[in-house]
Each structure stands twice: as C-alpha cells, then as structure tokens.
Amino acid sequence: MRILAIGDIHGCYRSLKVLEEYVPFTTDDLLVTLGDHIDKGPDSRSVIDWLVAYKLQGNLISLLGNHELMMLAADKSDRHFEEWMSWGGGKTLRSYGLSTANDQLNDVPESHWQFINSCRPFYETDSHFFVHANVYPHLSLEEQPRYMLYWDRFNDPPPHESERCMICGHTPQHDGVPRSVGHAICIDTWAHGGGWLTCLDVQSGQYWQANESQQTRNALIEINFYRVKKCGRSACFKIKFSL
C-alpha cells in the first residue's frame, strides 16, 4: 500500500483531477490530504465533492487546515465571517453559486459540513506523521497547541521527539518545489497562486505535480539516512530532480 500525501489544494479542482489520473490513485493507496482544501482557488465546491465521493470508495485521511477552521468559525459569527472573506472565503462561496453574505453559508450542502467536521488535527504512522502546519519538537501530537498545528510557518523546524519524519503543508513554496530539511518536508507548492499541486509517496520519495493549466511533472526526493538525537535511524530526504 502506498501512502500518498497531497498538499494544500485550495480549491484547485482541475489540478486534483489531473493528479488523480497522472499518479494514478488506486483503491489500494492511502491518501492523506493535508488541509486547506478550500479558499483562494476557483472551485472549492468541486474539491469537497471529490473528497466526499473518494472517501466512500477509497482510503482517505483528511486533515484540518486553518482555512477549514475559518470557514467553521464563519458559520458562528459575523466577525469571523468577515475574517474568512479576507482570507479567500469569497471564492469558496462563489464556487457554490452563492453571494458573499454570511446567511448564504446555510446553503452549503450538509455533506460538506460533515466532511469538514470529520477532518483530523493530525495523522501518524510508524515512520511519519502528518500535520497541516508545524509542531513543537518536544510535545506529543496530542499536546500540540492549535496555533502550531494550523498556523505556524515552516522555518527549518527541529526534529520531533518521536524521531519520525513530518509531512506538512501550509507554508507555500513559491518556486513550486517541495522543501525538505531532512526530518520534515513541506509540500504546499502554491497550487492556487500559479504553482503546482503536489502528491508525495512518503515511502519511495517519488512525487507528482499538476497545475491549473493541466501541465504535469514529477521528481524524486532521494532517501538517505541520518542519526537522530538519541539512537536509531530515521528517513532523511533531499531534493533530487528527475524532470
């Protein structure tokens, strides 16, 4: 079984559909989407439709991002609604054919609210853990504050005490290339801003990318090893292009 991580989709449905065929995804794969499925891009509704449908037929783990949190908060208060609008929520409403008025959130399909509410704060395997933004290195995933999980930037984070590799998004890599610091990899490659949507096979290091112009490319993150702070060996990744 491959474990495929998908970076911040941000409403880029066309890129997601191209990746689905380009990789391609199979029912034997586990897909982990890293949050920020919505906002900023052109078609958040179709992205959520796709995720809801895929979850019925395949293995899908979806994480909460700060944009899902803002949409949930926008449904509770006018102040949070205005904040969400300033972060790209208007494009999400328009993808539903709705105006940018807070009472229009009532017309978002219930299945979409259920999906967003079902998203997880993190996911972990024996060798990797997946979060939207970042973590404190000395705290377990269960102890992480919301700010770290959903808002903190990817700025050369130190290794986590679990000695597992972190896979995250949130901090856009404007050059379109996943950023690796060995024990952590950020795969938000700015899909909504003219960059690429990235899908990473976390075990092999292969990754595939698509953009809204329906272009594709792929590359390899070379797997090496390094000694961690206490003992044992853990996967370390460096970018190696194979374009």
C-alpha atoms as a PDB file:
ATOM      1  CA  MET A   1       0.000   0.000   0.000  1.00  0.00           C
ATOM      2  CA  ARG A   2       1.359   3.415  -0.957  1.00  0.00           C
ATOM      3  CA  ILE A   3       0.869   6.337   1.423  1.00  0.00           C
ATOM      4  CA  LEU A   4       0.300   9.406  -0.748  1.00  0.00           C
ATOM      5  CA  ALA A   5       0.278  12.863   0.821  1.00  0.00           C
ATOM      6  CA  ILE A   6      -1.401  15.701  -1.079  1.00  0.00           C
ATOM      7  CA  GLY A   7      -0.538  19.303  -0.263  1.00  0.00           C
ATOM      8  CA  ASP A   8      -2.852  22.292   0.093  1.00  0.00           C
ATOM      9  CA  ILE A   9      -5.447  22.006  -2.691  1.00  0.00           C
ATOM     10  CA  HIS A  10      -7.057  25.424  -2.105  1.00  0.00           C
ATOM     11  CA  GLY A  11      -9.945  24.901  -4.498  1.00  0.00           C
ATOM     12  CA  CYS A  12      -7.755  23.762  -7.412  1.00  0.00           C
ATOM     13  CA  TYR A  13     -10.079  21.029  -8.609  1.00  0.00           C
ATOM     14  CA  ARG A  14      -8.623  20.851 -12.105  1.00  0.00           C
ATOM     15  CA  SER A  15      -5.152  20.152 -10.681  1.00  0.00           C
ATOM     16  CA  LEU A  16      -6.574  17.477  -8.370  1.00  0.00           C
ATOM     17  CA  LYS A  17      -8.348  15.692 -11.228  1.00  0.00           C
ATOM     18  CA  VAL A  18      -5.196  15.729 -13.353  1.00  0.00           C
ATOM     19  CA  LEU A  19      -3.199  14.267 -10.445  1.00  0.00           C
ATOM     20  CA  GLU A  20      -5.808  11.542  -9.969  1.00  0.00           C
ATOM     21  CA  GLU A  21      -5.044  10.237 -13.468  1.00  0.00           C
ATOM     22  CA  TYR A  22      -1.370  11.138 -13.603  1.00  0.00           C
ATOM     23  CA  VAL A  23      -0.241   9.352 -10.423  1.00  0.00           C
ATOM     24  CA  PRO A  24      -2.707   7.487 -10.715  1.00  0.00           C
ATOM     25  CA  PHE A  25      -4.605   6.974  -7.449  1.00  0.00           C
ATOM     26  CA  THR A  26      -5.821   3.433  -6.757  1.00  0.00           C
ATOM     27  CA  THR A  27      -8.095   1.943  -4.113  1.00  0.00           C
ATOM     28  CA  ASP A  28      -5.020   0.252  -2.609  1.00  0.00           C
ATOM     29  CA  ASP A  29      -3.461   3.640  -1.802  1.00  0.00           C
ATOM     30  CA  LEU A  30      -3.933   5.610   1.396  1.00  0.00           C
ATOM     31  CA  LEU A  31      -4.416   9.289   0.524  1.00  0.00           C
ATOM     32  CA  VAL A  32      -3.631  11.866   3.200  1.00  0.00           C
ATOM     33  CA  THR A  33      -4.735  15.395   2.331  1.00  0.00           C
ATOM     34  CA  LEU A  34      -3.018  17.986   4.487  1.00  0.00           C
ATOM     35  CA  GLY A  35      -5.803  20.535   4.920  1.00  0.00           C
ATOM     36  CA  ASP A  36      -6.659  23.847   3.252  1.00  0.00           C
ATOM     37  CA  HIS A  37      -8.802  22.044   0.709  1.00  0.00           C
ATOM     38  CA  ILE A  38     -10.803  25.257   0.237  1.00  0.00           C
ATOM     39  CA  ASP A  39     -10.450  29.036  -0.395  1.00  0.00           C
ATOM     40  CA  LYS A  40      -8.339  31.130  -2.763  1.00  0.00           C
ATOM     41  CA  GLY A  41      -8.652  28.765  -5.752  1.00  0.00           C
ATOM     42  CA  PRO A  42     -11.529  28.641  -8.258  1.00  0.00           C
ATOM     43  CA  ASP A  43     -13.584  25.551  -7.334  1.00  0.00           C
ATOM     44  CA  SER A  44     -13.674  24.594  -3.663  1.00  0.00           C
ATOM     45  CA  ARG A  45     -17.113  23.035  -4.016  1.00  0.00           C
ATOM     46  CA  SER A  46     -15.902  20.507  -6.589  1.00  0.00           C
ATOM     47  CA  VAL A  47     -12.868  19.715  -4.450  1.00  0.00           C
ATOM     48  CA  ILE A  48     -15.087  18.857  -1.468  1.00  0.00           C
ATOM     49  CA  ASP A  49     -17.463  16.901  -3.722  1.00  0.00           C
ATOM     50  CA  TRP A  50     -14.468  14.879  -4.940  1.00  0.00           C
ATOM     51  CA  LEU A  51     -13.184  14.231  -1.413  1.00  0.00           C
ATOM     52  CA  VAL A  52     -16.608  13.170  -0.139  1.00  0.00           C
ATOM     53  CA  ALA A  53     -17.004  10.765  -3.064  1.00  0.00           C
ATOM     54  CA  TYR A  54     -13.461   9.412  -2.791  1.00  0.00           C
ATOM     55  CA  LYS A  55     -13.902   8.675   0.902  1.00  0.00           C
ATOM     56  CA  LEU A  56     -16.778   6.326   0.035  1.00  0.00           C
ATOM     57  CA  GLN A  57     -14.657   4.206  -2.304  1.00  0.00           C
ATOM     58  CA  GLY A  58     -11.041   4.598  -1.209  1.00  0.00           C
ATOM     59  CA  ASN A  59      -8.775   5.108   1.796  1.00  0.00           C
ATOM     60  CA  LEU A  60      -8.743   8.816   2.636  1.00  0.00           C
ATOM     61  CA  ILE A  61      -7.472  10.705   5.671  1.00  0.00           C
ATOM     62  CA  SER A  62      -8.139  14.450   5.537  1.00  0.00           C
ATOM     63  CA  LEU A  63      -6.583  16.929   7.946  1.00  0.00           C
ATOM     64  CA  LEU A  64      -7.940  20.238   9.145  1.00  0.00           C
ATOM     65  CA  GLY A  65      -6.256  23.354   7.856  1.00  0.00           C
ATOM     66  CA  ASN A  66      -6.585  26.908   9.065  1.00  0.00           C
ATOM     67  CA  HIS A  67      -8.944  27.660   6.164  1.00  0.00           C
ATOM     68  CA  GLU A  68     -11.390  24.933   7.220  1.00  0.00           C
ATOM     69  CA  LEU A  69     -11.220  26.328  10.752  1.00  0.00           C
ATOM     70  CA  MET A  70     -12.016  29.810   9.450  1.00  0.00           C
ATOM     71  CA  MET A  71     -14.999  28.520   7.473  1.00  0.00           C
ATOM     72  CA  LEU A  72     -16.340  26.725  10.555  1.00  0.00           C
ATOM     73  CA  ALA A  73     -15.895  29.887  12.623  1.00  0.00           C
ATOM     74  CA  ALA A  74     -17.535  31.996   9.892  1.00  0.00           C
ATOM     75  CA  ASP A  75     -20.703  29.992  10.392  1.00  0.00           C
ATOM     76  CA  LYS A  76     -20.805  31.153  14.023  1.00  0.00           C
ATOM     77  CA  SER A  77     -20.292  34.910  13.950  1.00  0.00           C
ATOM     78  CA  ASP A  78     -20.288  37.957  11.684  1.00  0.00           C
ATOM     79  CA  ARG A  79     -16.785  38.916  12.817  1.00  0.00           C
ATOM     80  CA  HIS A  80     -15.342  35.556  11.854  1.00  0.00           C
ATOM     81  CA  PHE A  81     -17.252  35.634   8.579  1.00  0.00           C
ATOM     82  CA  GLU A  82     -15.587  38.926   7.611  1.00  0.00           C
ATOM     83  CA  GLU A  83     -12.213  37.498   8.579  1.00  0.00           C
ATOM     84  CA  TRP A  84     -12.822  34.447   6.397  1.00  0.00           C
ATOM     85  CA  MET A  85     -13.767  36.700   3.462  1.00  0.00           C
ATOM     86  CA  SER A  86     -10.416  38.469   3.766  1.00  0.00           C
ATOM     87  CA  TRP A  87      -8.613  35.101   3.527  1.00  0.00           C
ATOM     88  CA  GLY A  88     -10.249  33.909   0.306  1.00  0.00           C
ATOM     89  CA  GLY A  89     -13.605  32.662   1.567  1.00  0.00           C
ATOM     90  CA  GLY A  90     -15.452  34.667  -1.072  1.00  0.00           C
ATOM     91  CA  LYS A  91     -14.138  32.386  -3.819  1.00  0.00           C
ATOM     92  CA  THR A  92     -15.390  29.390  -1.884  1.00  0.00           C
ATOM     93  CA  LEU A  93     -18.900  30.839  -1.620  1.00  0.00           C
ATOM     94  CA  ARG A  94     -18.928  31.740  -5.293  1.00  0.00           C
ATOM     95  CA  SER A  95     -17.980  28.167  -6.187  1.00  0.00           C
ATOM     96  CA  TYR A  96     -21.300  27.171  -4.587  1.00  0.00           C
ATOM     97  CA  GLY A  97     -23.097  29.812  -6.641  1.00  0.00           C
ATOM     98  CA  LEU A  98     -23.669  31.891  -3.509  1.00  0.00           C
ATOM     99  CA  SER A  99     -23.209  35.556  -2.742  1.00  0.00           C
ATOM    100  CA  THR A 100     -20.728  36.733  -0.143  1.00  0.00           C
ATOM    101  CA  ALA A 101     -23.327  37.144   2.620  1.00  0.00           C
ATOM    102  CA  ASN A 102     -22.983  35.136   5.810  1.00  0.00           C
ATOM    103  CA  ASP A 103     -26.528  33.755   5.648  1.00  0.00           C
ATOM    104  CA  GLN A 104     -25.519  32.023   2.416  1.00  0.00           C
ATOM    105  CA  LEU A 105     -23.492  29.510   4.431  1.00  0.00           C
ATOM    106  CA  ASN A 106     -26.805  27.840   5.237  1.00  0.00           C
ATOM    107  CA  ASP A 107     -26.918  26.691   1.595  1.00  0.00           C
ATOM    108  CA  VAL A 108     -23.624  24.783   1.733  1.00  0.00           C
ATOM    109  CA  PRO A 109     -24.560  21.065   1.470  1.00  0.00           C
ATOM    110  CA  GLU A 110     -24.759  19.221   4.779  1.00  0.00           C
ATOM    111  CA  SER A 111     -22.417  16.516   3.431  1.00  0.00           C
ATOM    112  CA  HIS A 112     -19.747  19.194   3.005  1.00  0.00           C
ATOM    113  CA  TRP A 113     -20.112  20.408   6.589  1.00  0.00           C
ATOM    114  CA  GLN A 114     -19.908  16.787   7.730  1.00  0.00           C
ATOM    115  CA  PHE A 115     -16.719  16.304   5.748  1.00  0.00           C
ATOM    116  CA  ILE A 116     -15.074  19.422   7.174  1.00  0.00           C
ATOM    117  CA  ASN A 117     -16.071  18.466  10.718  1.00  0.00           C
ATOM    118  CA  SER A 118     -14.633  14.979  10.188  1.00  0.00           C
ATOM    119  CA  CYS A 119     -11.156  16.276   9.288  1.00  0.00           C
ATOM    120  CA  ARG A 120      -8.442  15.350  11.777  1.00  0.00           C
ATOM    121  CA  PRO A 121      -5.827  17.521  13.507  1.00  0.00           C
ATOM    122  CA  PHE A 122      -3.038  15.050  12.616  1.00  0.00           C
ATOM    123  CA  TYR A 123      -2.309  11.529  11.397  1.00  0.00           C
ATOM    124  CA  GLU A 124       0.639   9.265  12.183  1.00  0.00           C
ATOM    125  CA  THR A 125       2.277   6.044  11.039  1.00  0.00           C
ATOM    126  CA  ASP A 126       5.305   4.173  12.389  1.00  0.00           C
ATOM    127  CA  SER A 127       7.703   6.265  10.300  1.00  0.00           C
ATOM    128  CA  HIS A 128       5.883   9.556   9.553  1.00  0.00           C
ATOM    129  CA  PHE A 129       3.387  11.991  10.979  1.00  0.00           C
ATOM    130  CA  PHE A 130       1.192  14.391   9.032  1.00  0.00           C
ATOM    131  CA  VAL A 131       0.037  17.829  10.157  1.00  0.00           C
ATOM    132  CA  HIS A 132      -1.186  20.908   8.358  1.00  0.00           C
ATOM    133  CA  ALA A 133       1.389  23.448   9.540  1.00  0.00           C
ATOM    134  CA  ASN A 134       4.001  22.520  12.147  1.00  0.00           C
ATOM    135  CA  VAL A 135       4.653  21.128  15.641  1.00  0.00           C
ATOM    136  CA  TYR A 136       6.708  21.877  18.729  1.00  0.00           C
ATOM    137  CA  PRO A 137       9.517  19.295  18.781  1.00  0.00           C
ATOM    138  CA  HIS A 138       9.200  18.471  22.487  1.00  0.00           C
ATOM    139  CA  LEU A 139       5.426  17.900  22.638  1.00  0.00           C
ATOM    140  CA  SER A 140       3.467  14.833  21.534  1.00  0.00           C
ATOM    141  CA  LEU A 141       0.966  15.342  18.733  1.00  0.00           C
ATOM    142  CA  GLU A 142      -1.880  15.172  21.248  1.00  0.00           C
ATOM    143  CA  GLU A 143      -0.311  18.033  23.248  1.00  0.00           C
ATOM    144  CA  GLN A 144       0.272  20.412  20.331  1.00  0.00           C
ATOM    145  CA  PRO A 145      -1.492  23.790  20.586  1.00  0.00           C
ATOM    146  CA  ARG A 146      -3.840  24.798  17.785  1.00  0.00           C
ATOM    147  CA  TYR A 147      -1.532  27.604  16.690  1.00  0.00           C
ATOM    148  CA  MET A 148       1.266  25.172  15.860  1.00  0.00           C
ATOM    149  CA  LEU A 149      -0.907  22.601  14.106  1.00  0.00           C
ATOM    150  CA  TYR A 150      -2.751  25.119  11.925  1.00  0.00           C
ATOM    151  CA  TRP A 151      -0.876  28.429  11.692  1.00  0.00           C
ATOM    152  CA  ASP A 152       2.872  28.215  12.356  1.00  0.00           C
ATOM    153  CA  ARG A 153       5.260  28.616   9.439  1.00  0.00           C
ATOM    154  CA  PHE A 154       7.735  26.044   8.133  1.00  0.00           C
ATOM    155  CA  ASN A 155      11.061  27.661   9.025  1.00  0.00           C
ATOM    156  CA  ASP A 156      13.666  24.901   9.386  1.00  0.00           C
ATOM    157  CA  PRO A 157      11.852  23.094  12.220  1.00  0.00           C
ATOM    158  CA  PRO A 158      13.991  20.913  14.504  1.00  0.00           C
ATOM    159  CA  PRO A 159      13.451  17.132  14.616  1.00  0.00           C
ATOM    160  CA  HIS A 160      10.439  15.940  16.571  1.00  0.00           C
ATOM    161  CA  GLU A 161      10.998  13.879  19.691  1.00  0.00           C
ATOM    162  CA  SER A 162       9.176  10.942  18.076  1.00  0.00           C
ATOM    163  CA  GLU A 163      12.087  10.623  15.595  1.00  0.00           C
ATOM    164  CA  ARG A 164       9.564  10.335  12.761  1.00  0.00           C
ATOM    165  CA  CYS A 165       9.519  12.432   9.603  1.00  0.00           C
ATOM    166  CA  MET A 166       6.970  15.263   9.489  1.00  0.00           C
ATOM    167  CA  ILE A 167       4.936  15.807   6.309  1.00  0.00           C
ATOM    168  CA  CYS A 168       3.140  19.166   6.253  1.00  0.00           C
ATOM    169  CA  GLY A 169       1.749  21.945   4.099  1.00  0.00           C
ATOM    170  CA  HIS A 170       0.546  25.487   4.927  1.00  0.00           C
ATOM    171  CA  THR A 171       3.720  27.408   4.038  1.00  0.00           C
ATOM    172  CA  PRO A 172       3.646  27.936   0.251  1.00  0.00           C
ATOM    173  CA  GLN A 173       6.853  27.148  -1.606  1.00  0.00           C
ATOM    174  CA  HIS A 174       6.631  29.746  -4.341  1.00  0.00           C
ATOM    175  CA  ASP A 175       9.240  28.032  -6.502  1.00  0.00           C
ATOM    176  CA  GLY A 176       6.880  25.056  -6.818  1.00  0.00           C
ATOM    177  CA  VAL A 177       9.356  22.589  -5.281  1.00  0.00           C
ATOM    178  CA  PRO A 178       8.683  20.660  -2.032  1.00  0.00           C
ATOM    179  CA  ARG A 179      11.043  21.809   0.717  1.00  0.00           C
ATOM    180  CA  SER A 180      12.939  19.225   2.748  1.00  0.00           C
ATOM    181  CA  VAL A 181      15.070  19.754   5.846  1.00  0.00           C
ATOM    182  CA  GLY A 182      15.705  16.042   6.297  1.00  0.00           C
ATOM    183  CA  HIS A 183      13.325  15.235   9.126  1.00  0.00           C
ATOM    184  CA  ALA A 184      10.478  17.352   7.736  1.00  0.00           C
ATOM    185  CA  ILE A 185       9.029  18.014   4.279  1.00  0.00           C
ATOM    186  CA  CYS A 186       6.623  20.787   3.275  1.00  0.00           C
ATOM    187  CA  ILE A 187       4.567  20.013   0.159  1.00  0.00           C
ATOM    188  CA  ASP A 188       2.446  23.156  -0.150  1.00  0.00           C
ATOM    189  CA  THR A 189       3.713  24.207  -3.579  1.00  0.00           C
ATOM    190  CA  TRP A 190       1.363  27.173  -4.175  1.00  0.00           C
ATOM    191  CA  ALA A 191      -1.279  25.456  -6.305  1.00  0.00           C
ATOM    192  CA  HIS A 192      -3.703  28.385  -6.133  1.00  0.00           C
ATOM    193  CA  GLY A 193      -1.088  31.015  -6.971  1.00  0.00           C
ATOM    194  CA  GLY A 194       0.224  29.683 -10.247  1.00  0.00           C
ATOM    195  CA  GLY A 195       2.351  26.932  -8.731  1.00  0.00           C
ATOM    196  CA  TRP A 196       1.753  23.197  -8.511  1.00  0.00           C
ATOM    197  CA  LEU A 197      -0.363  20.745  -6.548  1.00  0.00           C
ATOM    198  CA  THR A 198       1.943  18.057  -5.139  1.00  0.00           C
ATOM    199  CA  CYS A 199       1.320  14.396  -4.333  1.00  0.00           C
ATOM    200  CA  LEU A 200       4.184  12.680  -2.471  1.00  0.00           C
ATOM    201  CA  ASP A 201       4.710   8.963  -1.971  1.00  0.00           C
ATOM    202  CA  VAL A 202       6.194   9.253   1.514  1.00  0.00           C
ATOM    203  CA  GLN A 203       7.826   5.825   1.381  1.00  0.00           C
ATOM    204  CA  SER A 204       9.574   5.956  -2.001  1.00  0.00           C
ATOM    205  CA  GLY A 205      10.208   9.703  -2.247  1.00  0.00           C
ATOM    206  CA  GLN A 206       8.527   9.920  -5.665  1.00  0.00           C
ATOM    207  CA  TYR A 207       6.312  12.946  -6.165  1.00  0.00           C
ATOM    208  CA  TRP A 208       3.975  14.088  -8.903  1.00  0.00           C
ATOM    209  CA  GLN A 209       2.683  17.587  -9.634  1.00  0.00           C
ATOM    210  CA  ALA A 210      -0.111  19.134 -11.686  1.00  0.00           C
ATOM    211  CA  ASN A 211      -1.298  22.692 -12.166  1.00  0.00           C
ATOM    212  CA  GLU A 212      -4.444  24.512 -13.252  1.00  0.00           C
ATOM    213  CA  SER A 213      -3.164  24.616 -16.846  1.00  0.00           C
ATOM    214  CA  GLN A 214      -3.248  20.789 -16.717  1.00  0.00           C
ATOM    215  CA  GLN A 215       0.517  20.502 -17.030  1.00  0.00           C
ATOM    216  CA  THR A 216       2.298  17.706 -15.156  1.00  0.00           C
ATOM    217  CA  ARG A 217       5.768  16.885 -13.969  1.00  0.00           C
ATOM    218  CA  ASN A 218       7.414  14.504 -11.500  1.00  0.00           C
ATOM    219  CA  ALA A 219      10.598  14.248  -9.482  1.00  0.00           C
ATOM    220  CA  LEU A 220      12.249  12.229  -6.746  1.00  0.00           C
ATOM    221  CA  ILE A 221      13.140  13.106  -3.187  1.00  0.00           C
ATOM    222  CA  GLU A 222      16.219  10.948  -2.647  1.00  0.00           C
ATOM    223  CA  ILE A 223      16.048   8.844   0.514  1.00  0.00           C
ATOM    224  CA  ASN A 224      19.170   8.771   2.696  1.00  0.00           C
ATOM    225  CA  PHE A 225      19.647   8.153   6.402  1.00  0.00           C
ATOM    226  CA  TYR A 226      20.903  10.141   9.349  1.00  0.00           C
ATOM    227  CA  ARG A 227      21.494   9.593  13.048  1.00  0.00           C
ATOM    228  CA  VAL A 228      18.822  11.171  15.213  1.00  0.00           C
ATOM    229  CA  LYS A 229      19.465  12.831  18.548  1.00  0.00           C
ATOM    230  CA  LYS A 230      19.176   9.718  20.738  1.00  0.00           C
ATOM    231  CA  CYS A 231      19.522   6.490  18.859  1.00  0.00           C
ATOM    232  CA  GLY A 232      18.192   4.576  15.872  1.00  0.00           C
ATOM    233  CA  ARG A 233      17.930   5.548  12.257  1.00  0.00           C
ATOM    234  CA  SER A 234      15.287   7.622  10.535  1.00  0.00           C
ATOM    235  CA  ALA A 235      14.463   8.519   6.950  1.00  0.00           C
ATOM    236  CA  CYS A 236      16.078  11.699   5.674  1.00  0.00           C
ATOM    237  CA  PHE A 237      15.115  13.368   2.406  1.00  0.00           C
ATOM    238  CA  LYS A 238      16.944  15.615  -0.033  1.00  0.00           C
ATOM    239  CA  ILE A 239      15.549  17.019  -3.229  1.00  0.00           C
ATOM    240  CA  LYS A 240      16.812  15.268  -6.361  1.00  0.00           C
ATOM    241  CA  PHE A 241      15.221  16.272  -9.654  1.00  0.00           C
ATOM    242  CA  SER A 242      14.307  13.745 -12.314  1.00  0.00           C
ATOM    243  CA  LEU A 243      12.353  16.054 -14.583  1.00  0.00           C
END
